Amino acid sequence: MKTNIGISEKNSLSVVNELAKILADEYILYTKTRNAHWNVEGPDFIDKHKFFETQFGQLDEFIDSVAERIRTLGHYAPASLGSFLSLTQLTEMNREKNDSHGFITELLEDHEVIISKLRENIHRFGEEFHDAGSCDFITGLMESHEKMAWFLRSHL
């Protein structure tokens, strides 16, 4: 059944295309954070192992909420590794050393990229695409990433 929630099909599709990119970024960041959880080494191992576990748990919730927002708008969420890699603006982690400082620095940079992209889309979703719900949704998501970035930054 067609979704009839007061957003034109064109605007809905524009929002969903941006949400798909956000979903891809969330999934890549989740994978990188899980990698940090599994592979961190050093004298602060147990502390950072637990810290990264908390962070990837939050990201898992973000992934689900972004995909559900896409479905709420009447579209299908991308759900393959290939689609995520083609849509993301992030890079895969490539490191030789598995110390917490390196992981935290790279994850922080990725959160900041996502925050900037979300901030760019807030106005577009509300003003250009007339989707106050998605505008509000990504504002909340941005605030959550800002807090996660603060936690990462506090370790440096």
N, C-alpha and C. Protein backbone atom coordinates (compact mmCIF):
# COMPACT_ATOMS: atom_id res chain seq x y z
N MET A 1 0.83 -1.18 0.00
CA MET A 1 0.00 0.00 0.00
C MET A 1 0.88 1.25 0.00
N LYS A 2 0.51 2.23 -0.77
CA LYS A 2 1.26 3.47 -0.89
C LYS A 2 1.17 4.29 0.41
N THR A 3 2.29 4.87 0.79
CA THR A 3 2.34 5.71 1.98
C THR A 3 1.77 7.09 1.64
N ASN A 4 0.83 7.56 2.44
CA ASN A 4 0.19 8.86 2.22
C ASN A 4 0.26 9.66 3.52
N ILE A 5 1.43 10.30 3.73
CA ILE A 5 1.65 11.00 5.00
C ILE A 5 1.94 12.49 4.81
N GLY A 6 1.55 13.03 3.66
CA GLY A 6 1.68 14.46 3.43
C GLY A 6 3.02 14.92 2.89
N ILE A 7 3.82 14.00 2.39
CA ILE A 7 5.11 14.34 1.77
C ILE A 7 5.03 13.85 0.33
N SER A 8 5.37 14.70 -0.62
CA SER A 8 5.30 14.28 -2.02
C SER A 8 6.26 13.11 -2.26
N GLU A 9 5.96 12.33 -3.27
CA GLU A 9 6.80 11.19 -3.62
C GLU A 9 8.22 11.64 -3.94
N LYS A 10 8.33 12.75 -4.67
CA LYS A 10 9.65 13.28 -5.03
C LYS A 10 10.45 13.65 -3.78
N ASN A 11 9.81 14.38 -2.85
CA ASN A 11 10.50 14.79 -1.63
C ASN A 11 10.82 13.58 -0.75
N SER A 12 9.89 12.65 -0.67
CA SER A 12 10.12 11.44 0.12
C SER A 12 11.32 10.68 -0.42
N LEU A 13 11.40 10.54 -1.72
CA LEU A 13 12.52 9.84 -2.33
C LEU A 13 13.84 10.57 -2.08
N SER A 14 13.82 11.89 -2.14
CA SER A 14 15.03 12.68 -1.85
C SER A 14 15.51 12.45 -0.42
N VAL A 15 14.57 12.46 0.52
CA VAL A 15 14.91 12.22 1.93
C VAL A 15 15.45 10.80 2.09
N VAL A 16 14.79 9.84 1.50
CA VAL A 16 15.21 8.44 1.63
C VAL A 16 16.60 8.23 1.03
N ASN A 17 16.90 8.89 -0.07
CA ASN A 17 18.24 8.76 -0.66
C ASN A 17 19.31 9.25 0.32
N GLU A 18 19.03 10.33 1.03
CA GLU A 18 19.98 10.83 2.04
C GLU A 18 20.02 9.91 3.26
N LEU A 19 18.86 9.42 3.66
CA LEU A 19 18.81 8.49 4.81
C LEU A 19 19.57 7.20 4.50
N ALA A 20 19.53 6.75 3.26
CA ALA A 20 20.27 5.55 2.88
C ALA A 20 21.77 5.76 3.04
N LYS A 21 22.25 6.97 2.71
CA LYS A 21 23.67 7.29 2.91
C LYS A 21 24.01 7.33 4.40
N ILE A 22 23.10 7.90 5.18
CA ILE A 22 23.30 7.94 6.63
C ILE A 22 23.32 6.52 7.20
N LEU A 23 22.42 5.68 6.73
CA LEU A 23 22.39 4.29 7.18
C LEU A 23 23.71 3.59 6.85
N ALA A 24 24.23 3.82 5.66
CA ALA A 24 25.51 3.22 5.27
C ALA A 24 26.63 3.71 6.19
N ASP A 25 26.66 5.01 6.47
CA ASP A 25 27.68 5.55 7.37
C ASP A 25 27.57 4.94 8.76
N GLU A 26 26.35 4.82 9.24
CA GLU A 26 26.13 4.22 10.57
C GLU A 26 26.64 2.78 10.60
N TYR A 27 26.37 2.05 9.54
CA TYR A 27 26.77 0.64 9.51
C TYR A 27 28.30 0.50 9.44
N ILE A 28 28.93 1.33 8.65
CA ILE A 28 30.40 1.29 8.56
C ILE A 28 31.01 1.68 9.90
N LEU A 29 30.49 2.73 10.52
CA LEU A 29 31.01 3.15 11.83
C LEU A 29 30.77 2.07 12.88
N TYR A 30 29.63 1.43 12.84
CA TYR A 30 29.35 0.31 13.75
C TYR A 30 30.41 -0.78 13.57
N THR A 31 30.70 -1.15 12.34
CA THR A 31 31.67 -2.21 12.05
C THR A 31 33.06 -1.81 12.53
N LYS A 32 33.43 -0.56 12.32
CA LYS A 32 34.74 -0.09 12.77
C LYS A 32 34.83 -0.07 14.30
N THR A 33 33.73 0.29 14.95
CA THR A 33 33.72 0.31 16.42
C THR A 33 33.77 -1.11 16.97
N ARG A 34 33.09 -2.03 16.32
CA ARG A 34 33.14 -3.44 16.74
C ARG A 34 34.56 -3.97 16.55
N ASN A 35 35.20 -3.59 15.47
CA ASN A 35 36.59 -3.98 15.22
C ASN A 35 37.48 -3.48 16.36
N ALA A 36 37.28 -2.23 16.76
CA ALA A 36 38.07 -1.67 17.87
C ALA A 36 37.82 -2.48 19.15
N HIS A 37 36.59 -2.83 19.40
CA HIS A 37 36.22 -3.63 20.58
C HIS A 37 36.95 -4.98 20.56
N TRP A 38 36.94 -5.63 19.43
CA TRP A 38 37.57 -6.95 19.32
C TRP A 38 39.09 -6.90 19.36
N ASN A 39 39.67 -5.85 18.78
CA ASN A 39 41.11 -5.90 18.49
C ASN A 39 41.97 -4.90 19.25
N VAL A 40 41.38 -4.09 20.13
CA VAL A 40 42.19 -3.14 20.87
C VAL A 40 43.20 -3.89 21.74
N GLU A 41 44.40 -3.33 21.83
CA GLU A 41 45.47 -3.92 22.65
C GLU A 41 46.11 -2.81 23.48
N GLY A 42 46.72 -3.21 24.56
CA GLY A 42 47.46 -2.26 25.37
C GLY A 42 47.07 -2.36 26.83
N PRO A 43 47.73 -1.55 27.67
CA PRO A 43 47.49 -1.62 29.11
C PRO A 43 46.08 -1.19 29.51
N ASP A 44 45.39 -0.48 28.63
CA ASP A 44 44.02 -0.04 28.91
C ASP A 44 42.98 -0.94 28.22
N PHE A 45 43.39 -2.16 27.87
CA PHE A 45 42.53 -3.06 27.11
C PHE A 45 41.14 -3.22 27.69
N ILE A 46 41.03 -3.62 28.93
CA ILE A 46 39.70 -3.96 29.47
C ILE A 46 38.79 -2.73 29.49
N ASP A 47 39.34 -1.58 29.86
CA ASP A 47 38.56 -0.35 29.88
C ASP A 47 38.05 0.01 28.48
N LYS A 48 38.94 -0.02 27.50
CA LYS A 48 38.55 0.35 26.13
C LYS A 48 37.68 -0.73 25.49
N HIS A 49 37.92 -1.98 25.81
CA HIS A 49 37.08 -3.08 25.31
C HIS A 49 35.62 -2.83 25.72
N LYS A 50 35.41 -2.49 26.97
CA LYS A 50 34.06 -2.20 27.47
C LYS A 50 33.51 -0.90 26.88
N PHE A 51 34.35 0.11 26.76
CA PHE A 51 33.93 1.39 26.20
C PHE A 51 33.44 1.22 24.77
N PHE A 52 34.22 0.53 23.95
CA PHE A 52 33.81 0.32 22.56
C PHE A 52 32.54 -0.53 22.48
N GLU A 53 32.36 -1.44 23.40
CA GLU A 53 31.14 -2.25 23.42
C GLU A 53 29.91 -1.37 23.65
N THR A 54 30.01 -0.43 24.55
CA THR A 54 28.92 0.51 24.80
C THR A 54 28.63 1.31 23.54
N GLN A 55 29.68 1.77 22.88
CA GLN A 55 29.49 2.59 21.69
C GLN A 55 28.88 1.79 20.53
N PHE A 56 29.34 0.57 20.29
CA PHE A 56 28.74 -0.16 19.17
C PHE A 56 27.30 -0.56 19.48
N GLY A 57 26.96 -0.70 20.74
CA GLY A 57 25.57 -0.96 21.11
C GLY A 57 24.68 0.22 20.75
N GLN A 58 25.16 1.42 21.00
CA GLN A 58 24.41 2.62 20.62
C GLN A 58 24.26 2.72 19.11
N LEU A 59 25.33 2.43 18.40
CA LEU A 59 25.30 2.51 16.94
C LEU A 59 24.34 1.48 16.35
N ASP A 60 24.25 0.31 16.97
CA ASP A 60 23.31 -0.71 16.52
C ASP A 60 21.87 -0.18 16.58
N GLU A 61 21.56 0.55 17.65
CA GLU A 61 20.24 1.16 17.78
C GLU A 61 20.02 2.23 16.71
N PHE A 62 21.06 3.01 16.40
CA PHE A 62 20.94 4.04 15.36
C PHE A 62 20.64 3.40 14.00
N ILE A 63 21.35 2.32 13.70
CA ILE A 63 21.16 1.61 12.44
C ILE A 63 19.70 1.21 12.29
N ASP A 64 19.17 0.60 13.33
CA ASP A 64 17.78 0.14 13.29
C ASP A 64 16.82 1.31 13.12
N SER A 65 17.06 2.39 13.83
CA SER A 65 16.13 3.53 13.75
C SER A 65 16.18 4.20 12.38
N VAL A 66 17.36 4.30 11.76
CA VAL A 66 17.44 4.91 10.42
C VAL A 66 16.72 4.02 9.41
N ALA A 67 16.95 2.71 9.48
CA ALA A 67 16.27 1.79 8.56
C ALA A 67 14.75 1.86 8.75
N GLU A 68 14.32 1.95 9.99
CA GLU A 68 12.88 2.04 10.26
C GLU A 68 12.31 3.37 9.78
N ARG A 69 13.09 4.44 9.83
CA ARG A 69 12.61 5.72 9.29
C ARG A 69 12.41 5.61 7.78
N ILE A 70 13.33 4.95 7.10
CA ILE A 70 13.20 4.75 5.66
C ILE A 70 11.92 3.96 5.36
N ARG A 71 11.66 2.92 6.14
CA ARG A 71 10.44 2.12 5.94
C ARG A 71 9.20 2.94 6.27
N THR A 72 9.26 3.79 7.29
CA THR A 72 8.14 4.66 7.64
C THR A 72 7.75 5.56 6.47
N LEU A 73 8.75 5.97 5.69
CA LEU A 73 8.50 6.82 4.53
C LEU A 73 8.04 6.02 3.31
N GLY A 74 7.92 4.71 3.47
CA GLY A 74 7.37 3.88 2.39
C GLY A 74 8.39 3.31 1.42
N HIS A 75 9.64 3.29 1.81
CA HIS A 75 10.69 2.77 0.93
C HIS A 75 11.43 1.63 1.63
N TYR A 76 12.25 0.93 0.86
CA TYR A 76 13.04 -0.16 1.42
C TYR A 76 14.44 0.33 1.77
N ALA A 77 14.94 -0.13 2.89
CA ALA A 77 16.28 0.24 3.35
C ALA A 77 17.32 -0.63 2.65
N PRO A 78 18.44 -0.03 2.25
CA PRO A 78 19.53 -0.86 1.73
C PRO A 78 20.01 -1.78 2.85
N ALA A 79 20.38 -3.00 2.49
CA ALA A 79 20.73 -3.95 3.55
C ALA A 79 21.79 -4.94 3.11
N SER A 80 22.73 -4.50 2.30
CA SER A 80 23.83 -5.38 1.93
C SER A 80 25.15 -4.65 2.14
N LEU A 81 26.19 -5.42 2.37
CA LEU A 81 27.50 -4.80 2.58
C LEU A 81 27.93 -4.02 1.35
N GLY A 82 27.65 -4.55 0.17
CA GLY A 82 27.99 -3.86 -1.07
C GLY A 82 27.29 -2.52 -1.18
N SER A 83 26.00 -2.49 -0.84
CA SER A 83 25.27 -1.21 -0.92
C SER A 83 25.81 -0.22 0.11
N PHE A 84 26.13 -0.69 1.30
CA PHE A 84 26.67 0.22 2.32
C PHE A 84 28.00 0.80 1.86
N LEU A 85 28.86 -0.03 1.29
CA LEU A 85 30.17 0.45 0.84
C LEU A 85 30.04 1.43 -0.32
N SER A 86 29.02 1.25 -1.15
CA SER A 86 28.85 2.17 -2.28
C SER A 86 28.21 3.49 -1.85
N LEU A 87 27.49 3.49 -0.74
CA LEU A 87 26.78 4.70 -0.29
C LEU A 87 27.55 5.52 0.75
N THR A 88 28.47 4.90 1.47
CA THR A 88 29.12 5.58 2.60
C THR A 88 30.12 6.64 2.15
N GLN A 89 30.30 7.63 3.00
CA GLN A 89 31.37 8.61 2.79
C GLN A 89 32.58 8.29 3.67
N LEU A 90 32.45 7.26 4.50
CA LEU A 90 33.54 6.85 5.39
C LEU A 90 34.44 5.85 4.67
N THR A 91 35.63 5.65 5.23
CA THR A 91 36.54 4.65 4.69
C THR A 91 36.63 3.49 5.66
N GLU A 92 37.01 2.35 5.14
CA GLU A 92 37.22 1.21 6.02
C GLU A 92 38.49 1.43 6.82
N MET A 93 38.53 0.83 8.01
CA MET A 93 39.68 0.98 8.89
C MET A 93 40.85 0.18 8.32
N ASN A 94 41.99 0.81 8.30
CA ASN A 94 43.19 0.15 7.82
C ASN A 94 44.34 0.58 8.71
N ARG A 95 44.70 -0.27 9.64
CA ARG A 95 45.72 0.12 10.61
C ARG A 95 46.70 -1.02 10.86
N GLU A 96 47.88 -0.65 11.25
CA GLU A 96 48.91 -1.63 11.58
C GLU A 96 48.97 -1.87 13.08
N LYS A 97 48.60 -0.87 13.87
CA LYS A 97 48.72 -0.93 15.31
C LYS A 97 47.32 -0.84 15.91
N ASN A 98 47.04 -1.65 16.90
CA ASN A 98 45.70 -1.72 17.48
C ASN A 98 45.64 -1.08 18.86
N ASP A 99 46.21 0.11 19.00
CA ASP A 99 46.17 0.81 20.28
C ASP A 99 44.90 1.64 20.39
N SER A 100 44.49 1.92 21.60
CA SER A 100 43.24 2.64 21.82
C SER A 100 43.29 4.05 21.25
N HIS A 101 44.42 4.72 21.36
CA HIS A 101 44.52 6.09 20.85
C HIS A 101 44.22 6.14 19.36
N GLY A 102 44.78 5.22 18.60
CA GLY A 102 44.55 5.18 17.15
C GLY A 102 43.09 4.89 16.82
N PHE A 103 42.50 3.91 17.50
CA PHE A 103 41.10 3.59 17.26
C PHE A 103 40.22 4.79 17.60
N ILE A 104 40.45 5.39 18.76
CA ILE A 104 39.61 6.50 19.20
C ILE A 104 39.72 7.67 18.25
N THR A 105 40.92 7.98 17.80
CA THR A 105 41.12 9.10 16.88
C THR A 105 40.35 8.88 15.59
N GLU A 106 40.45 7.69 15.03
CA GLU A 106 39.76 7.41 13.77
C GLU A 106 38.24 7.39 13.94
N LEU A 107 37.76 6.78 15.02
CA LEU A 107 36.32 6.75 15.26
C LEU A 107 35.76 8.15 15.49
N LEU A 108 36.51 8.98 16.22
CA LEU A 108 36.09 10.36 16.44
C LEU A 108 35.96 11.11 15.12
N GLU A 109 36.94 10.95 14.24
CA GLU A 109 36.87 11.60 12.93
C GLU A 109 35.62 11.18 12.17
N ASP A 110 35.28 9.91 12.24
CA ASP A 110 34.09 9.42 11.54
C ASP A 110 32.80 9.99 12.14
N HIS A 111 32.74 10.06 13.46
CA HIS A 111 31.56 10.68 14.09
C HIS A 111 31.43 12.13 13.64
N GLU A 112 32.53 12.84 13.57
CA GLU A 112 32.48 14.24 13.16
C GLU A 112 32.03 14.39 11.71
N VAL A 113 32.43 13.47 10.84
CA VAL A 113 31.96 13.48 9.45
C VAL A 113 30.44 13.27 9.42
N ILE A 114 29.96 12.31 10.19
CA ILE A 114 28.52 12.03 10.24
C ILE A 114 27.77 13.23 10.81
N ILE A 115 28.28 13.82 11.87
CA ILE A 115 27.63 14.99 12.47
C ILE A 115 27.51 16.12 11.45
N SER A 116 28.56 16.37 10.72
CA SER A 116 28.53 17.44 9.71
C SER A 116 27.50 17.14 8.63
N LYS A 117 27.43 15.90 8.18
CA LYS A 117 26.46 15.52 7.15
C LYS A 117 25.03 15.64 7.68
N LEU A 118 24.80 15.21 8.90
CA LEU A 118 23.47 15.33 9.49
C LEU A 118 23.08 16.80 9.60
N ARG A 119 24.01 17.63 10.05
CA ARG A 119 23.75 19.06 10.21
C ARG A 119 23.38 19.69 8.87
N GLU A 120 24.08 19.30 7.79
CA GLU A 120 23.77 19.80 6.45
C GLU A 120 22.34 19.43 6.04
N ASN A 121 21.90 18.24 6.41
CA ASN A 121 20.59 17.75 5.97
C ASN A 121 19.41 18.27 6.80
N ILE A 122 19.66 18.78 7.98
CA ILE A 122 18.55 19.24 8.83
C ILE A 122 17.71 20.28 8.10
N HIS A 123 18.35 21.30 7.60
CA HIS A 123 17.63 22.35 6.89
C HIS A 123 16.96 21.80 5.63
N ARG A 124 17.71 21.01 4.87
CA ARG A 124 17.16 20.46 3.62
C ARG A 124 15.91 19.62 3.88
N PHE A 125 15.96 18.77 4.89
CA PHE A 125 14.80 17.91 5.16
C PHE A 125 13.57 18.75 5.52
N GLY A 126 13.77 19.77 6.32
CA GLY A 126 12.65 20.59 6.76
C GLY A 126 12.18 21.58 5.71
N GLU A 127 13.10 22.37 5.21
CA GLU A 127 12.73 23.48 4.31
C GLU A 127 12.57 23.05 2.86
N GLU A 128 13.51 22.30 2.36
CA GLU A 128 13.49 21.93 0.94
C GLU A 128 12.53 20.76 0.66
N PHE A 129 12.52 19.76 1.55
CA PHE A 129 11.72 18.55 1.30
C PHE A 129 10.44 18.50 2.11
N HIS A 130 10.20 19.48 2.98
CA HIS A 130 8.95 19.58 3.76
C HIS A 130 8.67 18.31 4.56
N ASP A 131 9.72 17.79 5.20
CA ASP A 131 9.58 16.58 6.02
C ASP A 131 10.08 16.89 7.43
N ALA A 132 9.19 17.48 8.22
CA ALA A 132 9.54 17.87 9.59
C ALA A 132 9.89 16.66 10.44
N GLY A 133 9.25 15.53 10.20
CA GLY A 133 9.54 14.32 10.97
C GLY A 133 10.96 13.84 10.78
N SER A 134 11.40 13.78 9.53
CA SER A 134 12.79 13.34 9.27
C SER A 134 13.78 14.39 9.73
N CYS A 135 13.40 15.67 9.65
CA CYS A 135 14.24 16.76 10.16
C CYS A 135 14.47 16.57 11.66
N ASP A 136 13.39 16.34 12.38
CA ASP A 136 13.47 16.11 13.82
C ASP A 136 14.27 14.84 14.12
N PHE A 137 14.03 13.80 13.34
CA PHE A 137 14.73 12.53 13.54
C PHE A 137 16.24 12.71 13.42
N ILE A 138 16.70 13.36 12.36
CA ILE A 138 18.16 13.47 12.20
C ILE A 138 18.76 14.49 13.16
N THR A 139 17.95 15.43 13.65
CA THR A 139 18.46 16.33 14.68
C THR A 139 18.78 15.54 15.95
N GLY A 140 17.88 14.64 16.34
CA GLY A 140 18.13 13.79 17.50
C GLY A 140 19.33 12.87 17.28
N LEU A 141 19.45 12.34 16.07
CA LEU A 141 20.57 11.47 15.73
C LEU A 141 21.88 12.25 15.82
N MET A 142 21.87 13.47 15.32
CA MET A 142 23.06 14.32 15.38
C MET A 142 23.47 14.57 16.83
N GLU A 143 22.50 14.86 17.68
CA GLU A 143 22.80 15.11 19.09
C GLU A 143 23.40 13.87 19.75
N SER A 144 22.91 12.70 19.39
CA SER A 144 23.47 11.45 19.94
C SER A 144 24.91 11.26 19.48
N HIS A 145 25.19 11.55 18.22
CA HIS A 145 26.57 11.44 17.72
C HIS A 145 27.47 12.47 18.38
N GLU A 146 26.94 13.66 18.63
CA GLU A 146 27.75 14.68 19.31
C GLU A 146 28.16 14.19 20.70
N LYS A 147 27.26 13.54 21.41
CA LYS A 147 27.59 13.04 22.73
C LYS A 147 28.61 11.90 22.64
N MET A 148 28.45 11.01 21.67
CA MET A 148 29.42 9.93 21.50
C MET A 148 30.79 10.49 21.15
N ALA A 149 30.81 11.52 20.30
CA ALA A 149 32.08 12.15 19.93
C ALA A 149 32.74 12.80 21.15
N TRP A 150 31.94 13.41 22.00
CA TRP A 150 32.46 14.00 23.23
C TRP A 150 33.12 12.93 24.08
N PHE A 151 32.47 11.78 24.22
CA PHE A 151 33.04 10.67 25.02
C PHE A 151 34.36 10.21 24.41
N LEU A 152 34.43 10.09 23.09
CA LEU A 152 35.68 9.69 22.44
C LEU A 152 36.75 10.76 22.64
N ARG A 153 36.38 12.01 22.42
CA ARG A 153 37.32 13.13 22.56
C ARG A 153 37.89 13.20 23.97
N SER A 154 37.08 12.85 24.95
CA SER A 154 37.51 12.90 26.35
C SER A 154 38.59 11.88 26.68
N HIS A 155 38.77 10.89 25.82
CA HIS A 155 39.82 9.90 26.02
C HIS A 155 41.15 10.33 25.42
N LEU A 156 41.14 11.42 24.64
CA LEU A 156 42.38 11.84 23.97
C LEU A 156 43.11 12.92 24.75
